[in-house]
Amino acid sequence: SGGGLVQAGGSLSVSCGISGRTFSAYAMGWFRQRPG
């Protein structure tokens, strides 16, 4: 969550929630896919 439209030079925070009770057992990563 947290995506959207922002002007160049601005800031934005995206967040990820994970279900269950074992979150602390996971390493986490962010990836992205640019158009094309």
All heavy atoms as atom14 arrays in JSON, in Angstrom:
{
  "sequence": "SGGGLVQAGGSLSVSCGISGRTFSAYAMGWFRQRPG",
  "atom14_mask": [
    [1, 1, 1, 1, 1, 1, 0, 0, 0, 0, 0, 0, 0, 0],
    [1, 1, 1, 1, 0, 0, 0, 0, 0, 0, 0, 0, 0, 0],
    [1, 1, 1, 1, 0, 0, 0, 0, 0, 0, 0, 0, 0, 0],
    [1, 1, 1, 1, 0, 0, 0, 0, 0, 0, 0, 0, 0, 0],
    [1, 1, 1, 1, 1, 1, 1, 1, 0, 0, 0, 0, 0, 0],
    [1, 1, 1, 1, 1, 1, 1, 0, 0, 0, 0, 0, 0, 0],
    [1, 1, 1, 1, 1, 1, 1, 1, 1, 0, 0, 0, 0, 0],
    [1, 1, 1, 1, 1, 0, 0, 0, 0, 0, 0, 0, 0, 0],
    [1, 1, 1, 1, 0, 0, 0, 0, 0, 0, 0, 0, 0, 0],
    [1, 1, 1, 1, 0, 0, 0, 0, 0, 0, 0, 0, 0, 0],
    [1, 1, 1, 1, 1, 1, 0, 0, 0, 0, 0, 0, 0, 0],
    [1, 1, 1, 1, 1, 1, 1, 1, 0, 0, 0, 0, 0, 0],
    [1, 1, 1, 1, 1, 1, 0, 0, 0, 0, 0, 0, 0, 0],
    [1, 1, 1, 1, 1, 1, 1, 0, 0, 0, 0, 0, 0, 0],
    [1, 1, 1, 1, 1, 1, 0, 0, 0, 0, 0, 0, 0, 0],
    [1, 1, 1, 1, 1, 1, 0, 0, 0, 0, 0, 0, 0, 0],
    [1, 1, 1, 1, 0, 0, 0, 0, 0, 0, 0, 0, 0, 0],
    [1, 1, 1, 1, 1, 1, 1, 1, 0, 0, 0, 0, 0, 0],
    [1, 1, 1, 1, 1, 1, 0, 0, 0, 0, 0, 0, 0, 0],
    [1, 1, 1, 1, 0, 0, 0, 0, 0, 0, 0, 0, 0, 0],
    [1, 1, 1, 1, 1, 1, 1, 1, 1, 1, 1, 0, 0, 0],
    [1, 1, 1, 1, 1, 1, 1, 0, 0, 0, 0, 0, 0, 0],
    [1, 1, 1, 1, 1, 1, 1, 1, 1, 1, 1, 0, 0, 0],
    [1, 1, 1, 1, 1, 1, 0, 0, 0, 0, 0, 0, 0, 0],
    [1, 1, 1, 1, 1, 0, 0, 0, 0, 0, 0, 0, 0, 0],
    [1, 1, 1, 1, 1, 1, 1, 1, 1, 1, 1, 1, 0, 0],
    [1, 1, 1, 1, 1, 0, 0, 0, 0, 0, 0, 0, 0, 0],
    [1, 1, 1, 1, 1, 1, 1, 1, 0, 0, 0, 0, 0, 0],
    [1, 1, 1, 1, 0, 0, 0, 0, 0, 0, 0, 0, 0, 0],
    [1, 1, 1, 1, 1, 1, 1, 1, 1, 1, 1, 1, 1, 1],
    [1, 1, 1, 1, 1, 1, 1, 1, 1, 1, 1, 0, 0, 0],
    [1, 1, 1, 1, 1, 1, 1, 1, 1, 1, 1, 0, 0, 0],
    [1, 1, 1, 1, 1, 1, 1, 1, 1, 0, 0, 0, 0, 0],
    [1, 1, 1, 1, 1, 1, 1, 1, 1, 1, 1, 0, 0, 0],
    [1, 1, 1, 1, 1, 1, 1, 0, 0, 0, 0, 0, 0, 0],
    [1, 1, 1, 1, 0, 0, 0, 0, 0, 0, 0, 0, 0, 0]
  ],
  "atom14_positions": [
    [[0.84, -1.18, 0.0], [0.0, 0.0, 0.0], [0.88, 1.24, 0.0], [2.08, 1.16, 0.24], [-0.94, 0.02, 1.21], [-0.2, 0.07, 2.42], [0.0, 0.0, 0.0], [0.0, 0.0, 0.0], [0.0, 0.0, 0.0], [0.0, 0.0, 0.0], [0.0, 0.0, 0.0], [0.0, 0.0, 0.0], [0.0, 0.0, 0.0], [0.0, 0.0, 0.0]],
    [[0.28, 2.37, -0.27], [0.99, 3.64, -0.21], [1.44, 4.19, -1.55], [1.97, 5.3, -1.61], [0.0, 0.0, 0.0], [0.0, 0.0, 0.0], [0.0, 0.0, 0.0], [0.0, 0.0, 0.0], [0.0, 0.0, 0.0], [0.0, 0.0, 0.0], [0.0, 0.0, 0.0], [0.0, 0.0, 0.0], [0.0, 0.0, 0.0], [0.0, 0.0, 0.0]],
    [[1.23, 3.44, -2.62], [1.6, 3.94, -3.93], [0.68, 5.06, -4.37], [-0.36, 5.31, -3.77], [0.0, 0.0, 0.0], [0.0, 0.0, 0.0], [0.0, 0.0, 0.0], [0.0, 0.0, 0.0], [0.0, 0.0, 0.0], [0.0, 0.0, 0.0], [0.0, 0.0, 0.0], [0.0, 0.0, 0.0], [0.0, 0.0, 0.0], [0.0, 0.0, 0.0]],
    [[1.09, 5.73, -5.42], [0.29, 6.82, -5.94], [1.09, 7.72, -6.85], [2.17, 7.35, -7.32], [0.0, 0.0, 0.0], [0.0, 0.0, 0.0], [0.0, 0.0, 0.0], [0.0, 0.0, 0.0], [0.0, 0.0, 0.0], [0.0, 0.0, 0.0], [0.0, 0.0, 0.0], [0.0, 0.0, 0.0], [0.0, 0.0, 0.0], [0.0, 0.0, 0.0]],
    [[0.56, 8.9, -7.08], [1.18, 9.89, -7.95], [1.87, 10.95, -7.12], [1.28, 11.5, -6.19], [0.13, 10.53, -8.86], [0.6, 11.64, -9.79], [1.58, 11.09, -10.81], [-0.6, 12.29, -10.47], [0.0, 0.0, 0.0], [0.0, 0.0, 0.0], [0.0, 0.0, 0.0], [0.0, 0.0, 0.0], [0.0, 0.0, 0.0], [0.0, 0.0, 0.0]],
    [[3.12, 11.23, -7.46], [3.89, 12.24, -6.74], [4.73, 13.02, -7.75], [5.17, 12.48, -8.76], [4.78, 11.59, -5.66], [5.79, 10.63, -6.29], [5.48, 12.64, -4.82], [0.0, 0.0, 0.0], [0.0, 0.0, 0.0], [0.0, 0.0, 0.0], [0.0, 0.0, 0.0], [0.0, 0.0, 0.0], [0.0, 0.0, 0.0], [0.0, 0.0, 0.0]],
    [[4.94, 14.28, -7.48], [5.75, 15.11, -8.35], [7.24, 14.84, -8.14], [7.66, 14.46, -7.05], [5.46, 16.59, -8.12], [4.07, 17.03, -8.54], [3.87, 18.52, -8.36], [4.57, 19.18, -7.6], [2.89, 19.05, -9.08], [0.0, 0.0, 0.0], [0.0, 0.0, 0.0], [0.0, 0.0, 0.0], [0.0, 0.0, 0.0], [0.0, 0.0, 0.0]],
    [[8.01, 15.03, -9.18], [9.45, 14.86, -9.08], [10.01, 15.73, -7.96], [9.63, 16.89, -7.81], [10.13, 15.2, -10.4], [0.0, 0.0, 0.0], [0.0, 0.0, 0.0], [0.0, 0.0, 0.0], [0.0, 0.0, 0.0], [0.0, 0.0, 0.0], [0.0, 0.0, 0.0], [0.0, 0.0, 0.0], [0.0, 0.0, 0.0], [0.0, 0.0, 0.0]],
    [[10.91, 15.15, -7.18], [11.48, 15.84, -6.03], [10.75, 15.58, -4.74], [11.27, 15.89, -3.66], [0.0, 0.0, 0.0], [0.0, 0.0, 0.0], [0.0, 0.0, 0.0], [0.0, 0.0, 0.0], [0.0, 0.0, 0.0], [0.0, 0.0, 0.0], [0.0, 0.0, 0.0], [0.0, 0.0, 0.0], [0.0, 0.0, 0.0], [0.0, 0.0, 0.0]],
    [[9.58, 15.01, -4.82], [8.79, 14.72, -3.64], [9.17, 13.4, -2.99], [10.08, 12.7, -3.44], [0.0, 0.0, 0.0], [0.0, 0.0, 0.0], [0.0, 0.0, 0.0], [0.0, 0.0, 0.0], [0.0, 0.0, 0.0], [0.0, 0.0, 0.0], [0.0, 0.0, 0.0], [0.0, 0.0, 0.0], [0.0, 0.0, 0.0], [0.0, 0.0, 0.0]],
    [[8.45, 13.06, -1.94], [8.71, 11.84, -1.18], [7.46, 10.99, -1.1], [6.34, 11.48, -1.16], [9.19, 12.18, 0.23], [10.4, 12.89, 0.22], [0.0, 0.0, 0.0], [0.0, 0.0, 0.0], [0.0, 0.0, 0.0], [0.0, 0.0, 0.0], [0.0, 0.0, 0.0], [0.0, 0.0, 0.0], [0.0, 0.0, 0.0], [0.0, 0.0, 0.0]],
    [[7.69, 9.7, -0.95], [6.59, 8.76, -0.84], [7.07, 7.54, -0.06], [8.22, 7.12, -0.22], [6.1, 8.33, -2.22], [4.81, 7.51, -2.29], [3.61, 8.36, -1.87], [4.61, 6.98, -3.7], [0.0, 0.0, 0.0], [0.0, 0.0, 0.0], [0.0, 0.0, 0.0], [0.0, 0.0, 0.0], [0.0, 0.0, 0.0], [0.0, 0.0, 0.0]],
    [[6.2, 6.99, 0.75], [6.51, 5.79, 1.5], [5.52, 4.7, 1.12], [4.32, 4.91, 1.15], [6.44, 6.05, 3.01], [6.71, 4.87, 3.75], [0.0, 0.0, 0.0], [0.0, 0.0, 0.0], [0.0, 0.0, 0.0], [0.0, 0.0, 0.0], [0.0, 0.0, 0.0], [0.0, 0.0, 0.0], [0.0, 0.0, 0.0], [0.0, 0.0, 0.0]],
    [[6.04, 3.55, 0.72], [5.2, 2.4, 0.45], [5.37, 1.39, 1.57], [6.45, 1.26, 2.15], [5.52, 1.76, -0.92], [5.1, 2.69, -2.04], [7.0, 1.42, -1.04], [0.0, 0.0, 0.0], [0.0, 0.0, 0.0], [0.0, 0.0, 0.0], [0.0, 0.0, 0.0], [0.0, 0.0, 0.0], [0.0, 0.0, 0.0], [0.0, 0.0, 0.0]],
    [[4.3, 0.7, 1.88], [4.3, -0.21, 3.0], [3.82, -1.58, 2.56], [3.07, -1.71, 1.59], [3.41, 0.32, 4.12], [3.38, -0.56, 5.23], [0.0, 0.0, 0.0], [0.0, 0.0, 0.0], [0.0, 0.0, 0.0], [0.0, 0.0, 0.0], [0.0, 0.0, 0.0], [0.0, 0.0, 0.0], [0.0, 0.0, 0.0], [0.0, 0.0, 0.0]],
    [[4.25, -2.59, 3.28], [3.85, -3.96, 3.01], [3.47, -4.63, 4.31], [4.26, -4.65, 5.26], [4.99, -4.72, 2.33], [4.68, -6.48, 2.08], [0.0, 0.0, 0.0], [0.0, 0.0, 0.0], [0.0, 0.0, 0.0], [0.0, 0.0, 0.0], [0.0, 0.0, 0.0], [0.0, 0.0, 0.0], [0.0, 0.0, 0.0], [0.0, 0.0, 0.0]],
    [[2.28, -5.18, 4.36], [1.83, -5.94, 5.51], [1.8, -7.42, 5.19], [1.4, -7.81, 4.1], [0.0, 0.0, 0.0], [0.0, 0.0, 0.0], [0.0, 0.0, 0.0], [0.0, 0.0, 0.0], [0.0, 0.0, 0.0], [0.0, 0.0, 0.0], [0.0, 0.0, 0.0], [0.0, 0.0, 0.0], [0.0, 0.0, 0.0], [0.0, 0.0, 0.0]],
    [[2.23, -8.24, 6.12], [2.24, -9.68, 5.93], [1.35, -10.33, 6.97], [1.37, -9.97, 8.14], [3.68, -10.25, 5.99], [3.68, -11.75, 5.69], [4.34, -9.96, 7.33], [5.08, -12.32, 5.49], [0.0, 0.0, 0.0], [0.0, 0.0, 0.0], [0.0, 0.0, 0.0], [0.0, 0.0, 0.0], [0.0, 0.0, 0.0], [0.0, 0.0, 0.0]],
    [[0.56, -11.28, 6.52], [-0.37, -11.96, 7.41], [0.32, -13.05, 8.2], [1.45, -13.46, 7.9], [-1.52, -12.55, 6.59], [-1.05, -13.58, 5.72], [0.0, 0.0, 0.0], [0.0, 0.0, 0.0], [0.0, 0.0, 0.0], [0.0, 0.0, 0.0], [0.0, 0.0, 0.0], [0.0, 0.0, 0.0], [0.0, 0.0, 0.0], [0.0, 0.0, 0.0]],
    [[-0.35, -13.55, 9.23], [0.18, -14.62, 10.04], [0.92, -14.12, 11.26], [0.99, -12.92, 11.53], [0.0, 0.0, 0.0], [0.0, 0.0, 0.0], [0.0, 0.0, 0.0], [0.0, 0.0, 0.0], [0.0, 0.0, 0.0], [0.0, 0.0, 0.0], [0.0, 0.0, 0.0], [0.0, 0.0, 0.0], [0.0, 0.0, 0.0], [0.0, 0.0, 0.0]],
    [[1.49, -15.07, 11.98], [2.18, -14.75, 13.23], [3.67, -15.06, 13.18], [4.31, -15.14, 14.22], [1.53, -15.53, 14.38], [0.07, -15.16, 14.63], [-0.5, -15.94, 15.78], [-0.64, -17.36, 15.46], [-1.68, -17.89, 14.85], [-2.7, -17.11, 14.48], [-1.73, -19.19, 14.6], [0.0, 0.0, 0.0], [0.0, 0.0, 0.0], [0.0, 0.0, 0.0]],
    [[4.22, -15.21, 11.96], [5.62, -15.57, 11.79], [6.44, -14.52, 11.06], [7.48, -14.82, 10.49], [5.74, -16.91, 11.04], [5.12, -16.8, 9.76], [5.09, -18.02, 11.83], [0.0, 0.0, 0.0], [0.0, 0.0, 0.0], [0.0, 0.0, 0.0], [0.0, 0.0, 0.0], [0.0, 0.0, 0.0], [0.0, 0.0, 0.0], [0.0, 0.0, 0.0]],
    [[5.98, -13.27, 11.07], [6.64, -12.22, 10.33], [8.11, -12.08, 10.71], [8.97, -11.85, 9.86], [5.92, -10.89, 10.53], [6.56, -9.74, 9.82], [6.52, -9.65, 8.43], [7.21, -8.73, 10.52], [7.12, -8.59, 7.77], [7.8, -7.67, 9.87], [7.75, -7.59, 8.49], [0.0, 0.0, 0.0], [0.0, 0.0, 0.0], [0.0, 0.0, 0.0]],
    [[8.42, -12.23, 11.99], [9.79, -12.05, 12.46], [10.75, -13.1, 11.93], [11.97, -12.94, 12.04], [9.83, -12.03, 13.99], [9.38, -13.26, 14.52], [0.0, 0.0, 0.0], [0.0, 0.0, 0.0], [0.0, 0.0, 0.0], [0.0, 0.0, 0.0], [0.0, 0.0, 0.0], [0.0, 0.0, 0.0], [0.0, 0.0, 0.0], [0.0, 0.0, 0.0]],
    [[10.24, -14.19, 11.34], [11.08, -15.24, 10.8], [11.5, -14.98, 9.35], [12.28, -15.75, 8.79], [10.36, -16.58, 10.88], [0.0, 0.0, 0.0], [0.0, 0.0, 0.0], [0.0, 0.0, 0.0], [0.0, 0.0, 0.0], [0.0, 0.0, 0.0], [0.0, 0.0, 0.0], [0.0, 0.0, 0.0], [0.0, 0.0, 0.0], [0.0, 0.0, 0.0]],
    [[11.01, -13.91, 8.75], [11.24, -13.64, 7.33], [12.18, -12.47, 7.1], [12.06, -11.42, 7.74], [9.91, -13.33, 6.63], [8.97, -14.5, 6.55], [8.04, -14.74, 7.56], [9.0, -15.34, 5.45], [7.18, -15.82, 7.48], [8.14, -16.42, 5.37], [7.23, -16.65, 6.38], [6.37, -17.71, 6.3], [0.0, 0.0, 0.0], [0.0, 0.0, 0.0]],
    [[13.1, -12.68, 6.18], [13.81, -11.56, 5.57], [12.9, -10.97, 4.51], [12.16, -11.7, 3.83], [15.13, -12.02, 4.97], [0.0, 0.0, 0.0], [0.0, 0.0, 0.0], [0.0, 0.0, 0.0], [0.0, 0.0, 0.0], [0.0, 0.0, 0.0], [0.0, 0.0, 0.0], [0.0, 0.0, 0.0], [0.0, 0.0, 0.0], [0.0, 0.0, 0.0]],
    [[12.95, -9.66, 4.35], [12.03, -8.97, 3.46], [12.79, -8.18, 2.4], [13.9, -7.72, 2.63], [11.13, -8.02, 4.24], [10.33, -8.68, 5.36], [9.11, -9.86, 4.75], [8.03, -8.77, 3.81], [0.0, 0.0, 0.0], [0.0, 0.0, 0.0], [0.0, 0.0, 0.0], [0.0, 0.0, 0.0], [0.0, 0.0, 0.0], [0.0, 0.0, 0.0]],
    [[12.15, -8.02, 1.26], [12.77, -7.27, 0.19], [11.75, -6.46, -0.59], [10.56, -6.74, -0.58], [0.0, 0.0, 0.0], [0.0, 0.0, 0.0], [0.0, 0.0, 0.0], [0.0, 0.0, 0.0], [0.0, 0.0, 0.0], [0.0, 0.0, 0.0], [0.0, 0.0, 0.0], [0.0, 0.0, 0.0], [0.0, 0.0, 0.0], [0.0, 0.0, 0.0]],
    [[12.26, -5.43, -1.25], [11.47, -4.63, -2.19], [12.08, -4.75, -3.58], [13.3, -4.63, -3.74], [11.42, -3.16, -1.78], [10.49, -2.86, -0.65], [10.81, -2.7, 0.66], [9.07, -2.67, -0.74], [9.69, -2.43, 1.4], [8.61, -2.4, 0.57], [8.15, -2.71, -1.79], [7.26, -2.17, 0.84], [6.81, -2.47, -1.51], [6.38, -2.21, -0.21]],
    [[11.24, -4.98, -4.55], [11.63, -5.03, -5.95], [10.71, -4.1, -6.73], [9.64, -3.72, -6.26], [11.52, -6.46, -6.5], [12.44, -7.43, -5.83], [12.13, -7.97, -4.59], [13.62, -7.81, -6.44], [12.97, -8.87, -3.95], [14.48, -8.72, -5.82], [14.16, -9.24, -4.58], [0.0, 0.0, 0.0], [0.0, 0.0, 0.0], [0.0, 0.0, 0.0]],
    [[11.13, -3.73, -7.92], [10.27, -2.9, -8.75], [10.4, -3.3, -10.21], [11.4, -3.87, -10.63], [10.59, -1.41, -8.58], [11.92, -0.98, -9.19], [12.18, 0.49, -8.9], [13.42, 0.96, -9.49], [13.93, 2.16, -9.28], [13.31, 3.03, -8.48], [15.08, 2.51, -9.87], [0.0, 0.0, 0.0], [0.0, 0.0, 0.0], [0.0, 0.0, 0.0]],
    [[9.37, -2.98, -10.97], [9.37, -3.25, -12.4], [8.97, -1.98, -13.12], [7.82, -1.53, -13.02], [8.43, -4.39, -12.75], [8.54, -4.84, -14.19], [7.88, -6.18, -14.43], [7.15, -6.69, -13.58], [8.15, -6.77, -15.58], [0.0, 0.0, 0.0], [0.0, 0.0, 0.0], [0.0, 0.0, 0.0], [0.0, 0.0, 0.0], [0.0, 0.0, 0.0]],
    [[9.91, -1.4, -13.83], [9.64, -0.21, -14.62], [8.97, -0.6, -15.93], [9.11, -1.72, -16.4], [10.94, 0.54, -14.9], [11.71, 0.95, -13.65], [13.02, 1.61, -14.04], [13.85, 1.9, -12.89], [15.04, 2.47, -12.95], [15.55, 2.82, -14.12], [15.74, 2.69, -11.85], [0.0, 0.0, 0.0], [0.0, 0.0, 0.0], [0.0, 0.0, 0.0]],
    [[8.24, 0.32, -16.54], [7.55, 0.0, -17.79], [8.52, -0.51, -18.85], [9.54, 0.12, -19.14], [6.94, 1.34, -18.2], [6.76, 2.07, -16.9], [7.94, 1.68, -16.06], [0.0, 0.0, 0.0], [0.0, 0.0, 0.0], [0.0, 0.0, 0.0], [0.0, 0.0, 0.0], [0.0, 0.0, 0.0], [0.0, 0.0, 0.0], [0.0, 0.0, 0.0]],
    [[8.21, -1.66, -19.39], [9.02, -2.24, -20.45], [10.32, -2.86, -20.0], [11.12, -3.27, -20.84], [0.0, 0.0, 0.0], [0.0, 0.0, 0.0], [0.0, 0.0, 0.0], [0.0, 0.0, 0.0], [0.0, 0.0, 0.0], [0.0, 0.0, 0.0], [0.0, 0.0, 0.0], [0.0, 0.0, 0.0], [0.0, 0.0, 0.0], [0.0, 0.0, 0.0]]
  ]
}
